[in-house]
Amino acid sequence: MYGTFFLFMRQDKILNIPAIRRMPTYLHKLLKMQAEGKVNVSSTELAEYMNIELIVVRKDISLTGISGQRRVGYDVNELISYIKKYLGWEKPITAALVGAGSLGTALLGYNDFEHYGFWIEYVFDTSPEKVGQNIYGKTVRHTDTMAEAFAGNPPEIAVICVSNSAAQQIADQLVSLGVKYIWNFANVSLQVPPGVVVQREVIAGGLAMLAVKRKQDRNEKNHLS
């Protein structure tokens, strides 16, 4: 999950997407160190934890604007604050989740969202078996009640975890209610008007990367044998 969670930023420069995707993992490590009472962290420690080059860590961290101290590193609390600010996570982000099936329920139960200031306030579904249920402290409402639930004040982000066939209709409904940012877990490319941002998560993408690496390793072994 750390590598897939997203953010929205408005700036003139092109976003450094790989660095952004690494930020939650840095944050996860830093939060653990904070809980352990650690005061400082070095770029070397983060590089070893991430299993990446030291220069990559330094470039990533420099994007946040923080300055480290020679032979001391970074103040853990300060670096956490800078990363959250860089990602836009220093203030709570309200969200609605549509689709309380297996994936939607798993997201509701993902405790680390609270570290990112990401709060799912509304949960919707169309299934009679789901509507009215309490899942991780959230009562599931019918999608027909979204306008009533939002009352003219839509959440900042909507998370779509419905079937591929229903995703576009749900997206249209959310956009009509004023939602500007959509995190789409349905395996379909949503069509949205200008000004609406969609982050599509293709879960099989990670599997594809792993499978290709496995294939390459097997080919190399076969070539050597």
Protein backbone atom coordinates (compact mmCIF):
# COMPACT_ATOMS: atom_id res chain seq x y z
CA MET A 1 0.00 0.00 0.00
CA TYR A 2 2.81 2.42 0.75
CA GLY A 3 3.90 2.48 -2.85
CA THR A 4 0.45 3.09 -4.27
CA PHE A 5 -1.08 5.70 -2.13
CA PHE A 6 -1.29 9.02 -4.02
CA LEU A 7 -1.48 12.76 -3.65
CA PHE A 8 -2.42 15.78 -5.70
CA MET A 9 -0.17 18.77 -6.08
CA ARG A 10 -0.48 21.90 -8.20
CA GLN A 11 2.81 23.37 -9.26
CA ASP A 12 4.62 24.52 -12.39
CA LYS A 13 7.33 21.87 -12.29
CA ILE A 14 6.75 18.35 -13.53
CA LEU A 15 6.18 16.03 -10.59
CA ASN A 16 8.91 13.56 -9.69
CA ILE A 17 6.56 10.57 -9.63
CA PRO A 18 9.07 7.88 -8.49
CA ALA A 19 10.15 10.10 -5.60
CA ILE A 20 6.55 10.78 -4.61
CA ARG A 21 5.81 7.06 -4.57
CA ARG A 22 8.76 6.49 -2.24
CA MET A 23 7.72 9.17 0.24
CA PRO A 24 5.11 7.06 2.09
CA THR A 25 7.73 4.37 2.66
CA TYR A 26 10.14 6.91 4.12
CA LEU A 27 7.30 8.16 6.29
CA HIS A 28 6.46 4.64 7.46
CA LYS A 29 10.06 4.12 8.59
CA LEU A 30 10.23 7.54 10.25
CA LEU A 31 6.98 7.02 12.14
CA LYS A 32 8.32 3.72 13.45
CA MET A 33 11.54 5.44 14.54
CA GLN A 34 9.51 8.19 16.18
CA ALA A 35 7.55 5.60 18.16
CA GLU A 36 10.85 4.03 19.25
CA GLY A 37 12.07 7.38 20.53
CA LYS A 38 14.73 7.90 17.87
CA VAL A 39 15.76 11.56 17.47
CA ASN A 40 17.84 11.60 14.29
CA VAL A 41 18.04 9.62 11.08
CA SER A 42 20.72 9.57 8.41
CA SER A 43 20.32 9.27 4.65
CA THR A 44 22.34 6.07 4.89
CA GLU A 45 19.82 4.49 7.27
CA LEU A 46 16.95 5.34 4.92
CA ALA A 47 18.87 4.07 1.89
CA GLU A 48 19.57 0.75 3.62
CA TYR A 49 15.93 0.43 4.67
CA MET A 50 14.70 1.20 1.15
CA ASN A 51 17.46 -0.84 -0.51
CA ILE A 52 18.20 2.01 -2.92
CA GLU A 53 21.19 4.19 -3.71
CA LEU A 54 22.16 6.84 -1.17
CA ILE A 55 22.10 9.58 -3.81
CA VAL A 56 18.46 8.72 -4.60
CA VAL A 57 17.47 9.19 -0.95
CA ARG A 58 19.27 12.52 -0.76
CA LYS A 59 17.57 13.78 -3.92
CA ASP A 60 14.18 12.61 -2.68
CA ILE A 61 14.54 14.25 0.71
CA SER A 62 15.81 17.48 -0.84
CA LEU A 63 12.47 17.85 -2.62
CA THR A 64 10.80 18.49 0.75
CA GLY A 65 12.99 21.52 1.42
CA ILE A 66 14.47 20.23 4.66
CA SER A 67 18.16 20.71 5.47
CA GLY A 68 20.08 18.02 7.32
CA GLN A 69 23.11 18.45 9.55
CA ARG A 70 26.48 17.02 8.64
CA ARG A 71 27.26 13.84 10.62
CA VAL A 72 23.92 14.16 12.38
CA GLY A 73 21.39 13.68 9.63
CA TYR A 74 17.80 14.82 9.94
CA ASP A 75 15.62 15.41 12.95
CA VAL A 76 13.03 12.61 12.76
CA ASN A 77 10.08 14.74 13.86
CA GLU A 78 11.06 17.54 11.53
CA LEU A 79 11.50 15.24 8.54
CA ILE A 80 8.09 13.70 9.18
CA SER A 81 6.59 17.18 9.16
CA TYR A 82 8.38 18.18 5.96
CA ILE A 83 7.35 15.01 4.11
CA LYS A 84 3.71 15.40 5.17
CA LYS A 85 3.74 19.02 4.05
CA TYR A 86 5.32 18.10 0.72
CA LEU A 87 2.66 15.45 0.12
CA GLY A 88 -0.18 17.68 1.28
CA TRP A 89 -0.87 15.39 4.21
CA GLU A 90 -0.37 17.92 6.99
CA LYS A 91 -4.12 18.58 7.09
CA PRO A 92 -6.97 16.00 7.12
CA ILE A 93 -8.26 14.83 3.74
CA THR A 94 -11.92 13.82 3.68
CA ALA A 95 -12.98 10.92 1.51
CA ALA A 96 -15.91 8.80 0.43
CA LEU A 97 -15.60 5.15 -0.52
CA VAL A 98 -17.99 3.63 -3.04
CA GLY A 99 -18.06 -0.15 -3.07
CA ALA A 100 -17.91 -2.01 0.24
CA GLY A 101 -16.87 -5.36 -1.18
CA SER A 102 -13.67 -7.21 -0.35
CA LEU A 103 -11.31 -4.49 -1.58
CA GLY A 104 -13.35 -1.62 -0.18
CA THR A 105 -13.58 -3.32 3.19
CA ALA A 106 -9.83 -3.93 3.18
CA LEU A 107 -9.21 -0.24 2.55
CA LEU A 108 -11.54 0.69 5.38
CA GLY A 109 -9.49 -1.50 7.67
CA TYR A 110 -6.16 -0.04 6.60
CA ASN A 111 -5.02 1.63 9.81
CA ASP A 112 -2.10 3.57 8.35
CA PHE A 113 -4.44 5.97 6.53
CA GLU A 114 -4.72 7.88 9.80
CA HIS A 115 -1.00 8.64 9.65
CA TYR A 116 -1.59 10.30 6.29
CA GLY A 117 -4.53 12.37 7.48
CA PHE A 118 -6.80 10.42 5.11
CA TRP A 119 -10.26 9.99 6.61
CA ILE A 120 -12.97 7.96 4.90
CA GLU A 121 -16.11 9.62 6.24
CA TYR A 122 -18.68 8.04 3.93
CA VAL A 123 -19.16 4.50 2.63
CA PHE A 124 -21.65 3.63 -0.10
CA ASP A 125 -22.83 0.47 -1.85
CA THR A 126 -25.88 -0.81 -3.73
CA SER A 127 -26.01 -4.30 -2.30
CA PRO A 128 -28.93 -4.90 0.11
CA GLU A 129 -26.58 -7.15 2.08
CA LYS A 130 -24.12 -4.30 2.56
CA VAL A 131 -26.38 -1.26 3.04
CA GLY A 132 -26.96 -0.64 6.73
CA GLN A 133 -23.97 -2.67 7.85
CA ASN A 134 -21.35 -1.18 10.13
CA ILE A 135 -17.85 -1.78 8.76
CA TYR A 136 -14.93 -0.54 10.83
CA GLY A 137 -17.16 2.02 12.47
CA LYS A 138 -18.71 3.30 9.24
CA THR A 139 -22.35 2.71 8.32
CA VAL A 140 -22.77 1.71 4.69
CA ARG A 141 -25.30 3.87 2.83
CA HIS A 142 -26.95 3.33 -0.53
CA THR A 143 -25.32 5.14 -3.42
CA ASP A 144 -28.65 6.83 -4.12
CA THR A 145 -28.17 8.82 -0.91
CA MET A 146 -24.82 10.38 -1.84
CA ALA A 147 -26.29 13.80 -2.61
CA GLU A 148 -28.15 13.79 0.70
CA ALA A 149 -25.07 12.64 2.62
CA PHE A 150 -22.81 15.27 1.12
CA ALA A 151 -25.39 18.03 1.56
CA GLY A 152 -23.63 20.28 -0.90
CA ASN A 153 -20.24 19.72 0.72
CA PRO A 154 -18.63 16.80 -1.13
CA PRO A 155 -15.52 15.05 0.18
CA GLU A 156 -12.18 16.01 -1.32
CA ILE A 157 -11.51 12.52 -2.67
CA ALA A 158 -13.74 9.63 -3.72
CA VAL A 159 -12.45 6.06 -3.76
CA ILE A 160 -14.11 3.81 -6.35
CA CYS A 161 -14.04 0.08 -5.59
CA VAL A 162 -17.00 -1.06 -7.69
CA SER A 163 -17.21 -3.40 -10.68
CA ASN A 164 -15.76 -2.29 -14.00
CA SER A 165 -19.23 -2.02 -15.50
CA ALA A 166 -20.49 0.28 -12.74
CA ALA A 167 -17.39 2.47 -12.35
CA GLN A 168 -18.16 5.07 -15.02
CA GLN A 169 -21.71 5.62 -13.77
CA ILE A 170 -20.46 6.07 -10.22
CA ALA A 171 -17.76 8.45 -11.42
CA ASP A 172 -20.35 10.51 -13.31
CA GLN A 173 -22.50 10.68 -10.20
CA LEU A 174 -19.59 11.75 -8.01
CA VAL A 175 -18.48 14.41 -10.47
CA SER A 176 -22.01 15.78 -10.70
CA LEU A 177 -21.95 16.18 -6.90
CA GLY A 178 -18.73 18.20 -7.01
CA VAL A 179 -16.02 15.61 -6.36
CA LYS A 180 -12.79 16.72 -8.04
CA TYR A 181 -10.39 13.90 -7.18
CA ILE A 182 -11.03 10.19 -7.74
CA TRP A 183 -8.92 7.22 -6.65
CA ASN A 184 -10.05 4.50 -9.03
CA PHE A 185 -9.51 0.82 -8.21
CA ALA A 186 -11.80 -0.42 -10.97
CA ASN A 187 -9.92 -1.83 -13.93
CA VAL A 188 -11.27 0.72 -16.40
CA SER A 189 -10.18 4.13 -17.66
CA LEU A 190 -12.72 6.67 -16.46
CA GLN A 191 -13.82 9.54 -18.67
CA VAL A 192 -14.08 12.73 -16.64
CA PRO A 193 -14.40 16.43 -17.55
CA PRO A 194 -11.49 18.90 -17.37
CA GLY A 195 -10.67 19.87 -13.81
CA VAL A 196 -11.34 16.40 -12.41
CA VAL A 197 -8.28 14.27 -11.57
CA VAL A 198 -8.30 10.47 -11.60
CA GLN A 199 -5.60 8.29 -10.08
CA ARG A 200 -6.05 4.77 -11.42
CA GLU A 201 -4.59 1.89 -9.47
CA VAL A 202 -3.96 -1.23 -11.52
CA ILE A 203 -3.35 -3.87 -8.89
CA ALA A 204 -2.07 -6.34 -11.49
CA GLY A 205 0.66 -3.84 -12.39
CA GLY A 206 2.77 -4.87 -9.42
CA LEU A 207 2.21 -8.54 -10.23
CA ALA A 208 3.27 -7.90 -13.83
CA MET A 209 6.54 -6.31 -12.68
CA LEU A 210 7.27 -9.21 -10.35
CA ALA A 211 6.39 -11.78 -13.03
CA VAL A 212 8.69 -10.14 -15.59
CA LYS A 213 11.58 -10.11 -13.09
CA ARG A 214 10.90 -13.77 -12.33
CA LYS A 215 10.89 -14.55 -16.05
CA GLN A 216 14.19 -12.72 -16.57
CA ASP A 217 15.81 -14.58 -13.67
CA ARG A 218 14.65 -17.93 -15.04
CA ASN A 219 15.89 -17.07 -18.53
CA GLU A 220 19.30 -16.11 -17.14
CA LYS A 221 19.53 -19.35 -15.19
CA ASN A 222 18.57 -21.37 -18.27
CA HIS A 223 21.17 -19.50 -20.32
CA LEU A 224 23.90 -20.29 -17.80
CA SER A 225 22.97 -23.96 -17.47
